[in-house]
Structures are given as structure tokens and as C-alpha cells.
Amino acid sequence: MPYPIEEKLVIAVSSSALFDLSESHAVYIERGATEYKRFQEDNKNKVLGKGVAFPFIKRFLNLNARFEEELPVEVVLLSRNSAATGKRVFNSINHYGLNISRAAFMEGRSPYEYIPAFNASLFLSANEVDVLNAIDAGYPAGVVLAGKVVDDDADKELRIAFDFDGVVADDEAETVFKQGDLPEFQQHKSDKSHIPHRPGPLADLFKKLSKLQKLEERELERNFDYKPIIRTAIVTARSAPAHERVITTLEDWGVSANETFFLGGMVKDRILSRLKPHMFFDDQRSHLESETGNTPMVHIPFGIANK
């Protein structure tokens, strides 16, 4: 029996993150809302190109094909478009075979208020103002940064990488680090190594991904040929002994990552370029840099790192 939406892992995505809207956005900027609406209606049967979040969303939805009885995941479209101009978006969704049926079209207004209404554990948008409003309201959201779109159809795995502080956990550690010095930070980490962190903005997403991985583990027990889809990674600038509290926190929550990297300040792209995640979440823009530009990056503008 399919999960009700209250029990699903729901991701909300804007059309600007899912598709390449650069051409139509230029029309809006240069010629205004009326011409934008006409442009979208005139081109409603012209398929939009893939956006930075497209490979991530496609593979996320593929989980339902693996678990057809439960249908444990859902993607909801939250858009500033009107329902009329949204025709092109849904025509593109249908062209690519994405199973997205729920949507909110706000006709120019920010859709962030509807994140909890759809039980979304994440809202992805290329609109920074919408994301900032969502974060300020206490909702999980991230800005999808511009970059190359890499969608290898032969690659069925869904790889998701997270920074830890200010993303999976709260920003307590970063607050101590910024307000003090390195020895004080290390002492703080040592004193609190046995105390779990409070959840950060993407804690619910991380926990629900772990539940999905347990579904995959049960399937693997029944079918040795089953190949799990989801792989999670934590890529953090922490090093020993500050790593202990990360482990304590995850153990307390009853979750884990498939791969965990404590980099001690090393440039994260050295790992990401080999890990090749379909999405990497970090609260610091300075860490969201890639020499090749082909790692999909999402900025989580949460906490002291963004003040």
C-alpha cells in the first residue's frame, strides 16, 4: 500500500532548479511579465532543457520504481509561474517521464509558505530570495547554484553529499569556532564529544534517506542481486578530535552515512570530484566551488556562516 504523503520523503522543487529557464527569464527581465507570459504560451510545446537539479530529481523518483507497493518518495513542483505559463513546465515534465503530479503555481509570489503543507523535507530553488525566506521561517531549503548538467543515463545510483555543521546538524560548532580560536574550539569539541548536536535544516532529509536505505537493505536480504540506489556521504572540514561529536550525533539519531570524510580544512572539491555526487549541500559558499564545474552544488544559507 502506498505511503500517505505524511510518511513519504517529499522534495519540493522550483521550475528554475528543475529546468533551464535562462531564455525565458531573460524575456521576463528585458520585456516584462506580460511578454514573458506570451513567450511561455507561444513555446508551451517546446521542451525545456534540463536544469542543475534534474539528474538528482530523476534518480530520486526512480526509487518508486524499486518499491512500487510503498511508493515512498514524491516530488512536488512549487513555482512562481501562473498555472497558464506552467503548461510548458508540465509539458516538459511529461516529456522526460518524471512522475510529478502535485504542484502549486503562485503567479509571481514566493511559494515557500507551502513547504510544510506538502510535508517537504527540502525545497530546491534557483531563487535565492525564496530560499532565504524559507530558511528564516524555519523551513528546509537550498539555493541550487548554476553549473553544468551531467546526466549519465547508465548511472542509476543516487549519490548525495552533505556538509555536517549548519546542514545536517545545527551551527553550534561553527558559532564557537568563529567566536573563539582553534584551541578553544578543540576544547569545546572534546568537552561535548558525548553530547549529540541538535538537528540542522536538512536533518529530516538525512534521517528519511536513512529509512529508505533500510528498505533497500531489506530488499538486498531477499534478493542478493539487488543493487542499492542510494549512497550518502558526509564531507566536513572537521578533523580529529572534533570528528567524535559527528559520530555521536549520528549514532544518537540511529543513522549513518555510507562514506564520511573528515578533511581538516582540505579543499572539498578534491573529494567531490571523485565522489561525483548528484547533489552536494553546504552552508558556506566558499566550499561550493568546483574546478570542473560539474558537481551540482546547493547553498544552505543557515546560521552564523551566513551572517
C-alpha atoms as a PDB file:
ATOM      1  CA  MET A   1       0.000   0.000   0.000  1.00  0.00           C
ATOM      2  CA  PRO A   2       1.450   3.411  -0.947  1.00  0.00           C
ATOM      3  CA  TYR A   3       2.623   5.619   1.895  1.00  0.00           C
ATOM      4  CA  PRO A   4       0.388   8.640   2.665  1.00  0.00           C
ATOM      5  CA  ILE A   5       2.149  11.936   1.974  1.00  0.00           C
ATOM      6  CA  GLU A   6       2.736  12.431   5.732  1.00  0.00           C
ATOM      7  CA  GLU A   7       5.030   9.384   5.688  1.00  0.00           C
ATOM      8  CA  LYS A   8       6.738   9.951   2.343  1.00  0.00           C
ATOM      9  CA  LEU A   9      10.067  11.620   1.767  1.00  0.00           C
ATOM     10  CA  VAL A  10       8.897  14.683  -0.164  1.00  0.00           C
ATOM     11  CA  ILE A  11      11.156  17.067  -2.053  1.00  0.00           C
ATOM     12  CA  ALA A  12       9.748  20.331  -3.371  1.00  0.00           C
ATOM     13  CA  VAL A  13      11.465  21.809  -6.407  1.00  0.00           C
ATOM     14  CA  SER A  14      11.023  25.018  -8.348  1.00  0.00           C
ATOM     15  CA  SER A  15      10.883  25.049 -12.143  1.00  0.00           C
ATOM     16  CA  SER A  16      14.070  27.165 -12.109  1.00  0.00           C
ATOM     17  CA  ALA A  17      16.003  24.354 -10.405  1.00  0.00           C
ATOM     18  CA  LEU A  18      14.483  21.505 -12.414  1.00  0.00           C
ATOM     19  CA  PHE A  19      14.793  23.094 -15.862  1.00  0.00           C
ATOM     20  CA  ASP A  20      16.958  25.593 -17.712  1.00  0.00           C
ATOM     21  CA  LEU A  21      14.816  28.733 -17.726  1.00  0.00           C
ATOM     22  CA  SER A  22      17.597  31.132 -18.726  1.00  0.00           C
ATOM     23  CA  GLU A  23      15.962  32.069 -22.056  1.00  0.00           C
ATOM     24  CA  SER A  24      12.502  32.714 -20.625  1.00  0.00           C
ATOM     25  CA  HIS A  25      13.976  34.516 -17.595  1.00  0.00           C
ATOM     26  CA  ALA A  26      15.801  36.871 -19.955  1.00  0.00           C
ATOM     27  CA  VAL A  27      12.460  37.636 -21.627  1.00  0.00           C
ATOM     28  CA  TYR A  28      10.957  38.436 -18.220  1.00  0.00           C
ATOM     29  CA  ILE A  29      13.847  40.738 -17.265  1.00  0.00           C
ATOM     30  CA  GLU A  30      14.059  42.537 -20.601  1.00  0.00           C
ATOM     31  CA  ARG A  31      10.396  42.692 -21.641  1.00  0.00           C
ATOM     32  CA  GLY A  32       8.276  42.247 -18.507  1.00  0.00           C
ATOM     33  CA  ALA A  33       5.657  39.870 -17.137  1.00  0.00           C
ATOM     34  CA  THR A  34       3.126  40.198 -19.965  1.00  0.00           C
ATOM     35  CA  GLU A  35       5.667  39.341 -22.669  1.00  0.00           C
ATOM     36  CA  TYR A  36       7.030  36.541 -20.505  1.00  0.00           C
ATOM     37  CA  LYS A  37       3.561  35.005 -20.257  1.00  0.00           C
ATOM     38  CA  ARG A  38       3.083  35.301 -24.030  1.00  0.00           C
ATOM     39  CA  PHE A  39       6.532  33.799 -24.656  1.00  0.00           C
ATOM     40  CA  GLN A  40       5.794  30.776 -22.463  1.00  0.00           C
ATOM     41  CA  GLU A  41       2.397  30.197 -24.048  1.00  0.00           C
ATOM     42  CA  ASP A  42       3.827  30.506 -27.577  1.00  0.00           C
ATOM     43  CA  ASN A  43       6.534  27.970 -26.661  1.00  0.00           C
ATOM     44  CA  LYS A  44       4.436  25.655 -24.494  1.00  0.00           C
ATOM     45  CA  ASN A  45       5.240  22.667 -26.717  1.00  0.00           C
ATOM     46  CA  LYS A  46       8.968  23.419 -26.814  1.00  0.00           C
ATOM     47  CA  VAL A  47      10.654  21.180 -24.262  1.00  0.00           C
ATOM     48  CA  LEU A  48      12.774  22.939 -21.661  1.00  0.00           C
ATOM     49  CA  GLY A  49      16.382  21.872 -21.203  1.00  0.00           C
ATOM     50  CA  LYS A  50      17.489  20.059 -18.068  1.00  0.00           C
ATOM     51  CA  GLY A  51      18.374  22.160 -15.038  1.00  0.00           C
ATOM     52  CA  VAL A  52      21.076  21.530 -12.439  1.00  0.00           C
ATOM     53  CA  ALA A  53      18.689  19.625 -10.124  1.00  0.00           C
ATOM     54  CA  PHE A  54      17.260  17.442 -12.917  1.00  0.00           C
ATOM     55  CA  PRO A  55      19.637  14.427 -12.585  1.00  0.00           C
ATOM     56  CA  PHE A  56      19.094  14.389  -8.804  1.00  0.00           C
ATOM     57  CA  ILE A  57      15.292  14.581  -9.077  1.00  0.00           C
ATOM     58  CA  LYS A  58      15.117  11.923 -11.805  1.00  0.00           C
ATOM     59  CA  ARG A  59      17.090   9.406  -9.763  1.00  0.00           C
ATOM     60  CA  PHE A  60      15.183  10.274  -6.598  1.00  0.00           C
ATOM     61  CA  LEU A  61      11.888   9.482  -8.329  1.00  0.00           C
ATOM     62  CA  ASN A  62      13.327   6.191  -9.605  1.00  0.00           C
ATOM     63  CA  LEU A  63      13.085   4.900  -6.027  1.00  0.00           C
ATOM     64  CA  ASN A  64       9.338   4.466  -6.541  1.00  0.00           C
ATOM     65  CA  ALA A  65      10.020   2.055  -9.408  1.00  0.00           C
ATOM     66  CA  ARG A  66      12.034  -0.063  -6.967  1.00  0.00           C
ATOM     67  CA  PHE A  67       9.313  -0.018  -4.310  1.00  0.00           C
ATOM     68  CA  GLU A  68       6.054   0.009  -6.237  1.00  0.00           C
ATOM     69  CA  GLU A  69       3.936  -1.098  -3.275  1.00  0.00           C
ATOM     70  CA  GLU A  70       5.163   1.613  -0.904  1.00  0.00           C
ATOM     71  CA  LEU A  71       5.878   4.480  -3.364  1.00  0.00           C
ATOM     72  CA  PRO A  72       7.941   6.060  -0.564  1.00  0.00           C
ATOM     73  CA  VAL A  73       9.042   9.294  -2.290  1.00  0.00           C
ATOM     74  CA  GLU A  74       7.390  12.215  -4.019  1.00  0.00           C
ATOM     75  CA  VAL A  75       8.411  15.402  -5.786  1.00  0.00           C
ATOM     76  CA  VAL A  76       6.173  18.479  -5.690  1.00  0.00           C
ATOM     77  CA  LEU A  77       6.585  21.458  -8.008  1.00  0.00           C
ATOM     78  CA  LEU A  78       6.477  24.840  -6.210  1.00  0.00           C
ATOM     79  CA  SER A  79       6.547  27.598  -8.796  1.00  0.00           C
ATOM     80  CA  ARG A  80       6.302  31.362  -9.106  1.00  0.00           C
ATOM     81  CA  ASN A  81       4.682  30.783 -12.518  1.00  0.00           C
ATOM     82  CA  SER A  82       0.954  31.038 -13.095  1.00  0.00           C
ATOM     83  CA  ALA A  83      -0.958  27.875 -13.954  1.00  0.00           C
ATOM     84  CA  ALA A  84      -1.179  29.155 -17.546  1.00  0.00           C
ATOM     85  CA  THR A  85       2.564  29.687 -18.003  1.00  0.00           C
ATOM     86  CA  GLY A  86       3.140  26.471 -16.063  1.00  0.00           C
ATOM     87  CA  LYS A  87       1.798  24.480 -19.025  1.00  0.00           C
ATOM     88  CA  ARG A  88       5.259  24.479 -20.582  1.00  0.00           C
ATOM     89  CA  VAL A  89       6.801  23.215 -17.361  1.00  0.00           C
ATOM     90  CA  PHE A  90       4.359  20.308 -17.086  1.00  0.00           C
ATOM     91  CA  ASN A  91       4.711  19.504 -20.782  1.00  0.00           C
ATOM     92  CA  SER A  92       8.456  19.235 -20.171  1.00  0.00           C
ATOM     93  CA  ILE A  93       7.886  17.103 -17.063  1.00  0.00           C
ATOM     94  CA  ASN A  94       5.760  14.725 -19.150  1.00  0.00           C
ATOM     95  CA  HIS A  95       8.316  14.681 -21.977  1.00  0.00           C
ATOM     96  CA  TYR A  96      11.041  13.474 -19.632  1.00  0.00           C
ATOM     97  CA  GLY A  97       8.745  10.944 -17.939  1.00  0.00           C
ATOM     98  CA  LEU A  98       9.026  12.470 -14.470  1.00  0.00           C
ATOM     99  CA  ASN A  99       6.252  11.287 -12.177  1.00  0.00           C
ATOM    100  CA  ILE A 100       5.332  14.686 -10.713  1.00  0.00           C
ATOM    101  CA  SER A 101       1.624  15.296 -10.237  1.00  0.00           C
ATOM    102  CA  ARG A 102       1.346  17.791  -7.361  1.00  0.00           C
ATOM    103  CA  ALA A 103       2.117  21.468  -7.884  1.00  0.00           C
ATOM    104  CA  ALA A 104       1.495  24.976  -6.583  1.00  0.00           C
ATOM    105  CA  PHE A 105       1.571  27.868  -9.070  1.00  0.00           C
ATOM    106  CA  MET A 106       1.777  31.227  -7.300  1.00  0.00           C
ATOM    107  CA  GLU A 107       1.666  33.730 -10.212  1.00  0.00           C
ATOM    108  CA  GLY A 108       4.657  35.801  -9.148  1.00  0.00           C
ATOM    109  CA  ARG A 109       4.528  35.177  -5.400  1.00  0.00           C
ATOM    110  CA  SER A 110       7.033  33.128  -3.460  1.00  0.00           C
ATOM    111  CA  PRO A 111       5.800  29.561  -2.833  1.00  0.00           C
ATOM    112  CA  TYR A 112       7.930  28.921   0.283  1.00  0.00           C
ATOM    113  CA  GLU A 113       4.974  29.116   2.703  1.00  0.00           C
ATOM    114  CA  TYR A 114       3.616  25.869   1.276  1.00  0.00           C
ATOM    115  CA  ILE A 115       6.695  23.781   2.098  1.00  0.00           C
ATOM    116  CA  PRO A 116       5.143  22.342   5.310  1.00  0.00           C
ATOM    117  CA  ALA A 117       1.734  21.918   3.651  1.00  0.00           C
ATOM    118  CA  PHE A 118       3.284  19.369   1.297  1.00  0.00           C
ATOM    119  CA  ASN A 119       5.382  17.791   4.095  1.00  0.00           C
ATOM    120  CA  ALA A 120       8.566  18.632   2.167  1.00  0.00           C
ATOM    121  CA  SER A 121      11.922  17.797   3.746  1.00  0.00           C
ATOM    122  CA  LEU A 122      13.682  20.019   1.209  1.00  0.00           C
ATOM    123  CA  PHE A 123      12.841  22.886  -1.137  1.00  0.00           C
ATOM    124  CA  LEU A 124      15.251  23.378  -4.044  1.00  0.00           C
ATOM    125  CA  SER A 125      15.173  26.653  -5.947  1.00  0.00           C
ATOM    126  CA  ALA A 126      17.461  28.858  -8.009  1.00  0.00           C
ATOM    127  CA  ASN A 127      15.720  31.882  -6.466  1.00  0.00           C
ATOM    128  CA  GLU A 128      17.862  32.978  -3.510  1.00  0.00           C
ATOM    129  CA  VAL A 129      15.180  35.273  -2.060  1.00  0.00           C
ATOM    130  CA  ASP A 130      12.672  32.409  -1.892  1.00  0.00           C
ATOM    131  CA  VAL A 131      15.228  30.196  -0.148  1.00  0.00           C
ATOM    132  CA  LEU A 132      16.223  32.898   2.358  1.00  0.00           C
ATOM    133  CA  ASN A 133      12.552  33.454   3.202  1.00  0.00           C
ATOM    134  CA  ALA A 134      12.104  29.722   3.711  1.00  0.00           C
ATOM    135  CA  ILE A 135      15.169  29.406   5.970  1.00  0.00           C
ATOM    136  CA  ASP A 136      14.076  32.445   8.000  1.00  0.00           C
ATOM    137  CA  ALA A 137      10.700  30.754   8.502  1.00  0.00           C
ATOM    138  CA  GLY A 138      12.431  27.588   9.751  1.00  0.00           C
ATOM    139  CA  TYR A 139      11.840  25.519   6.603  1.00  0.00           C
ATOM    140  CA  PRO A 140      14.474  23.312   4.896  1.00  0.00           C
ATOM    141  CA  ALA A 141      15.609  24.934   1.657  1.00  0.00           C
ATOM    142  CA  GLY A 142      18.638  25.416  -0.556  1.00  0.00           C
ATOM    143  CA  VAL A 143      19.775  27.569  -3.458  1.00  0.00           C
ATOM    144  CA  VAL A 144      20.728  25.499  -6.500  1.00  0.00           C
ATOM    145  CA  LEU A 145      23.838  27.169  -7.927  1.00  0.00           C
ATOM    146  CA  ALA A 146      24.479  27.491 -11.640  1.00  0.00           C
ATOM    147  CA  GLY A 147      26.675  24.786 -13.135  1.00  0.00           C
ATOM    148  CA  LYS A 148      26.982  22.081 -15.759  1.00  0.00           C
ATOM    149  CA  VAL A 149      24.226  19.498 -16.088  1.00  0.00           C
ATOM    150  CA  VAL A 150      25.673  15.969 -16.117  1.00  0.00           C
ATOM    151  CA  ASP A 151      23.048  13.252 -16.604  1.00  0.00           C
ATOM    152  CA  ASP A 152      24.567   9.871 -17.418  1.00  0.00           C
ATOM    153  CA  ASP A 153      21.654   7.500 -18.114  1.00  0.00           C
ATOM    154  CA  ALA A 154      23.908   4.496 -17.479  1.00  0.00           C
ATOM    155  CA  ASP A 155      24.493   5.705 -13.917  1.00  0.00           C
ATOM    156  CA  LYS A 156      21.485   4.558 -11.884  1.00  0.00           C
ATOM    157  CA  GLU A 157      22.943   5.339  -8.445  1.00  0.00           C
ATOM    158  CA  LEU A 158      21.805   8.397  -6.464  1.00  0.00           C
ATOM    159  CA  ARG A 159      24.757   9.918  -4.615  1.00  0.00           C
ATOM    160  CA  ILE A 160      24.031  12.693  -2.117  1.00  0.00           C
ATOM    161  CA  ALA A 161      26.736  14.502  -0.153  1.00  0.00           C
ATOM    162  CA  PHE A 162      26.266  16.749   2.885  1.00  0.00           C
ATOM    163  CA  ASP A 163      28.383  19.109   4.890  1.00  0.00           C
ATOM    164  CA  PHE A 164      27.684  18.471   8.581  1.00  0.00           C
ATOM    165  CA  ASP A 165      27.631  21.712  10.614  1.00  0.00           C
ATOM    166  CA  GLY A 166      24.841  24.067   9.617  1.00  0.00           C
ATOM    167  CA  VAL A 167      23.354  21.459   7.267  1.00  0.00           C
ATOM    168  CA  VAL A 168      22.712  18.080   8.904  1.00  0.00           C
ATOM    169  CA  ALA A 169      23.374  19.413  12.416  1.00  0.00           C
ATOM    170  CA  ASP A 170      22.919  22.886  13.910  1.00  0.00           C
ATOM    171  CA  ASP A 171      25.628  25.546  13.658  1.00  0.00           C
ATOM    172  CA  GLU A 172      26.783  25.405  17.300  1.00  0.00           C
ATOM    173  CA  ALA A 173      30.287  24.240  16.362  1.00  0.00           C
ATOM    174  CA  GLU A 174      30.719  26.933  13.717  1.00  0.00           C
ATOM    175  CA  THR A 175      29.497  29.561  16.197  1.00  0.00           C
ATOM    176  CA  VAL A 176      32.138  28.526  18.743  1.00  0.00           C
ATOM    177  CA  PHE A 177      34.827  28.436  16.050  1.00  0.00           C
ATOM    178  CA  LYS A 178      34.008  31.909  14.712  1.00  0.00           C
ATOM    179  CA  GLN A 179      33.708  33.483  18.158  1.00  0.00           C
ATOM    180  CA  GLY A 180      36.865  31.944  19.619  1.00  0.00           C
ATOM    181  CA  ASP A 181      40.131  30.443  18.447  1.00  0.00           C
ATOM    182  CA  LEU A 182      41.216  26.969  17.339  1.00  0.00           C
ATOM    183  CA  PRO A 183      42.363  25.683  20.794  1.00  0.00           C
ATOM    184  CA  GLU A 184      39.080  26.865  22.330  1.00  0.00           C
ATOM    185  CA  PHE A 185      37.158  25.151  19.532  1.00  0.00           C
ATOM    186  CA  GLN A 186      39.045  21.884  20.020  1.00  0.00           C
ATOM    187  CA  GLN A 187      38.441  22.001  23.781  1.00  0.00           C
ATOM    188  CA  HIS A 188      34.742  22.636  23.200  1.00  0.00           C
ATOM    189  CA  LYS A 189      34.557  19.626  20.867  1.00  0.00           C
ATOM    190  CA  SER A 190      36.370  17.434  23.378  1.00  0.00           C
ATOM    191  CA  ASP A 191      34.109  18.513  26.256  1.00  0.00           C
ATOM    192  CA  LYS A 192      30.951  17.904  24.211  1.00  0.00           C
ATOM    193  CA  SER A 193      32.012  14.843  22.218  1.00  0.00           C
ATOM    194  CA  HIS A 194      29.446  12.704  24.085  1.00  0.00           C
ATOM    195  CA  ILE A 195      26.549  15.164  23.564  1.00  0.00           C
ATOM    196  CA  PRO A 196      24.616  14.903  20.271  1.00  0.00           C
ATOM    197  CA  HIS A 197      24.099  18.026  18.200  1.00  0.00           C
ATOM    198  CA  ARG A 198      20.640  19.466  17.701  1.00  0.00           C
ATOM    199  CA  PRO A 199      19.207  18.851  14.209  1.00  0.00           C
ATOM    200  CA  GLY A 200      20.091  21.230  11.384  1.00  0.00           C
ATOM    201  CA  PRO A 201      17.885  22.279   8.457  1.00  0.00           C
ATOM    202  CA  LEU A 202      18.429  19.059   6.481  1.00  0.00           C
ATOM    203  CA  ALA A 203      18.359  16.613   9.405  1.00  0.00           C
ATOM    204  CA  ASP A 204      14.885  15.373   8.465  1.00  0.00           C
ATOM    205  CA  LEU A 205      16.013  14.747   4.879  1.00  0.00           C
ATOM    206  CA  PHE A 206      19.076  12.840   6.076  1.00  0.00           C
ATOM    207  CA  LYS A 207      17.035  10.716   8.507  1.00  0.00           C
ATOM    208  CA  LYS A 208      14.397   9.846   5.908  1.00  0.00           C
ATOM    209  CA  LEU A 209      17.077   8.904   3.383  1.00  0.00           C
ATOM    210  CA  SER A 210      18.397   6.517   6.032  1.00  0.00           C
ATOM    211  CA  LYS A 211      14.926   4.939   6.299  1.00  0.00           C
ATOM    212  CA  LEU A 212      14.881   4.445   2.538  1.00  0.00           C
ATOM    213  CA  GLN A 213      18.271   2.796   2.755  1.00  0.00           C
ATOM    214  CA  LYS A 214      16.821   0.364   5.287  1.00  0.00           C
ATOM    215  CA  LEU A 215      14.172  -0.524   2.692  1.00  0.00           C
ATOM    216  CA  GLU A 216      16.997  -1.246   0.283  1.00  0.00           C
ATOM    217  CA  GLU A 217      18.824  -3.336   2.884  1.00  0.00           C
ATOM    218  CA  ARG A 218      15.707  -5.467   3.428  1.00  0.00           C
ATOM    219  CA  GLU A 219      15.359  -5.929  -0.323  1.00  0.00           C
ATOM    220  CA  LEU A 220      19.009  -6.985  -0.532  1.00  0.00           C
ATOM    221  CA  GLU A 221      18.360  -9.640   2.139  1.00  0.00           C
ATOM    222  CA  ARG A 222      15.574 -11.076  -0.047  1.00  0.00           C
ATOM    223  CA  ASN A 223      17.403 -10.687  -3.334  1.00  0.00           C
ATOM    224  CA  PHE A 224      21.201 -10.922  -3.402  1.00  0.00           C
ATOM    225  CA  ASP A 225      21.220  -9.496  -6.952  1.00  0.00           C
ATOM    226  CA  TYR A 226      19.564  -6.270  -5.833  1.00  0.00           C
ATOM    227  CA  LYS A 227      21.787  -3.209  -6.327  1.00  0.00           C
ATOM    228  CA  PRO A 228      21.052  -0.359  -3.892  1.00  0.00           C
ATOM    229  CA  ILE A 229      20.458   3.049  -5.450  1.00  0.00           C
ATOM    230  CA  ILE A 230      21.114   5.474  -2.593  1.00  0.00           C
ATOM    231  CA  ARG A 231      24.609   6.381  -1.391  1.00  0.00           C
ATOM    232  CA  THR A 232      25.089   9.129   1.166  1.00  0.00           C
ATOM    233  CA  ALA A 233      28.259  10.915   2.205  1.00  0.00           C
ATOM    234  CA  ILE A 234      29.256  13.475   4.809  1.00  0.00           C
ATOM    235  CA  VAL A 235      32.077  15.744   3.677  1.00  0.00           C
ATOM    236  CA  THR A 236      33.142  18.010   6.527  1.00  0.00           C
ATOM    237  CA  ALA A 237      36.076  20.309   7.215  1.00  0.00           C
ATOM    238  CA  ARG A 238      36.359  18.819  10.724  1.00  0.00           C
ATOM    239  CA  SER A 239      39.310  16.680  11.767  1.00  0.00           C
ATOM    240  CA  ALA A 240      40.157  14.613  14.850  1.00  0.00           C
ATOM    241  CA  PRO A 241      39.237  15.039  17.678  1.00  0.00           C
ATOM    242  CA  ALA A 242      36.289  17.181  16.518  1.00  0.00           C
ATOM    243  CA  HIS A 243      35.041  14.217  14.456  1.00  0.00           C
ATOM    244  CA  GLU A 244      33.843  12.381  17.576  1.00  0.00           C
ATOM    245  CA  ARG A 245      30.733  14.514  18.035  1.00  0.00           C
ATOM    246  CA  VAL A 246      29.685  13.884  14.433  1.00  0.00           C
ATOM    247  CA  ILE A 247      29.745  10.147  15.117  1.00  0.00           C
ATOM    248  CA  THR A 248      27.978  10.606  18.475  1.00  0.00           C
ATOM    249  CA  THR A 249      25.212  12.617  16.822  1.00  0.00           C
ATOM    250  CA  LEU A 250      24.558  10.138  14.021  1.00  0.00           C
ATOM    251  CA  GLU A 251      24.576   7.203  16.438  1.00  0.00           C
ATOM    252  CA  ASP A 252      22.088   9.006  18.685  1.00  0.00           C
ATOM    253  CA  TRP A 253      19.779   9.570  15.714  1.00  0.00           C
ATOM    254  CA  GLY A 254      20.140   5.946  14.631  1.00  0.00           C
ATOM    255  CA  VAL A 255      21.506   6.874  11.191  1.00  0.00           C
ATOM    256  CA  SER A 256      24.787   6.731   9.328  1.00  0.00           C
ATOM    257  CA  ALA A 257      26.398   7.764   6.055  1.00  0.00           C
ATOM    258  CA  ASN A 258      27.885   5.299   3.595  1.00  0.00           C
ATOM    259  CA  GLU A 259      31.023   7.424   3.399  1.00  0.00           C
ATOM    260  CA  THR A 260      32.333  10.013   5.842  1.00  0.00           C
ATOM    261  CA  PHE A 261      35.232  12.365   5.150  1.00  0.00           C
ATOM    262  CA  PHE A 262      36.941  14.468   7.846  1.00  0.00           C
ATOM    263  CA  LEU A 263      39.090  16.784   5.773  1.00  0.00           C
ATOM    264  CA  GLY A 264      40.731  19.035   8.361  1.00  0.00           C
ATOM    265  CA  GLY A 265      40.235  22.100   6.189  1.00  0.00           C
ATOM    266  CA  MET A 266      41.292  20.449   2.925  1.00  0.00           C
ATOM    267  CA  VAL A 267      39.516  21.703  -0.215  1.00  0.00           C
ATOM    268  CA  LYS A 268      36.309  19.678  -0.527  1.00  0.00           C
ATOM    269  CA  ASP A 269      36.400  19.522  -4.316  1.00  0.00           C
ATOM    270  CA  ARG A 270      39.319  17.083  -4.054  1.00  0.00           C
ATOM    271  CA  ILE A 271      36.815  14.569  -2.662  1.00  0.00           C
ATOM    272  CA  LEU A 272      33.716  15.688  -4.571  1.00  0.00           C
ATOM    273  CA  SER A 273      35.427  15.404  -7.957  1.00  0.00           C
ATOM    274  CA  ARG A 274      35.918  11.688  -7.279  1.00  0.00           C
ATOM    275  CA  LEU A 275      32.714  11.021  -5.358  1.00  0.00           C
ATOM    276  CA  LYS A 276      30.661  12.689  -8.134  1.00  0.00           C
ATOM    277  CA  PRO A 277      27.524  13.346  -6.075  1.00  0.00           C
ATOM    278  CA  HIS A 278      24.297  14.288  -7.833  1.00  0.00           C
ATOM    279  CA  MET A 279      23.908  16.970  -5.152  1.00  0.00           C
ATOM    280  CA  PHE A 280      26.199  18.474  -2.523  1.00  0.00           C
ATOM    281  CA  PHE A 281      24.776  20.610   0.291  1.00  0.00           C
ATOM    282  CA  ASP A 282      26.903  23.111   2.238  1.00  0.00           C
ATOM    283  CA  ASP A 283      26.124  26.196   4.314  1.00  0.00           C
ATOM    284  CA  GLN A 284      29.278  28.041   3.207  1.00  0.00           C
ATOM    285  CA  ARG A 285      29.519  29.320  -0.364  1.00  0.00           C
ATOM    286  CA  SER A 286      33.329  29.269  -0.181  1.00  0.00           C
ATOM    287  CA  HIS A 287      33.115  25.453  -0.011  1.00  0.00           C
ATOM    288  CA  LEU A 288      30.796  25.267  -3.028  1.00  0.00           C
ATOM    289  CA  GLU A 289      33.493  25.528  -5.635  1.00  0.00           C
ATOM    290  CA  SER A 290      34.473  23.033  -8.297  1.00  0.00           C
ATOM    291  CA  GLU A 291      37.319  23.324 -10.794  1.00  0.00           C
ATOM    292  CA  THR A 292      35.387  21.340 -13.396  1.00  0.00           C
ATOM    293  CA  GLY A 293      32.015  22.883 -12.519  1.00  0.00           C
ATOM    294  CA  ASN A 294      30.213  19.572 -12.919  1.00  0.00           C
ATOM    295  CA  THR A 295      29.309  18.943  -9.251  1.00  0.00           C
ATOM    296  CA  PRO A 296      25.734  20.123  -8.570  1.00  0.00           C
ATOM    297  CA  MET A 297      26.037  22.489  -5.606  1.00  0.00           C
ATOM    298  CA  VAL A 298      23.325  23.689  -3.210  1.00  0.00           C
ATOM    299  CA  HIS A 299      23.859  26.513  -0.736  1.00  0.00           C
ATOM    300  CA  ILE A 300      22.005  26.206   2.583  1.00  0.00           C
ATOM    301  CA  PRO A 301      22.007  29.827   3.873  1.00  0.00           C
ATOM    302  CA  PHE A 302      21.619  28.855   7.523  1.00  0.00           C
ATOM    303  CA  GLY A 303      23.218  30.049  10.744  1.00  0.00           C
ATOM    304  CA  ILE A 304      26.285  32.064  11.626  1.00  0.00           C
ATOM    305  CA  ALA A 305      28.163  31.160   8.427  1.00  0.00           C
ATOM    306  CA  ASN A 306      25.714  33.348   6.521  1.00  0.00           C
ATOM    307  CA  LYS A 307      25.664  36.380   8.832  1.00  0.00           C
END
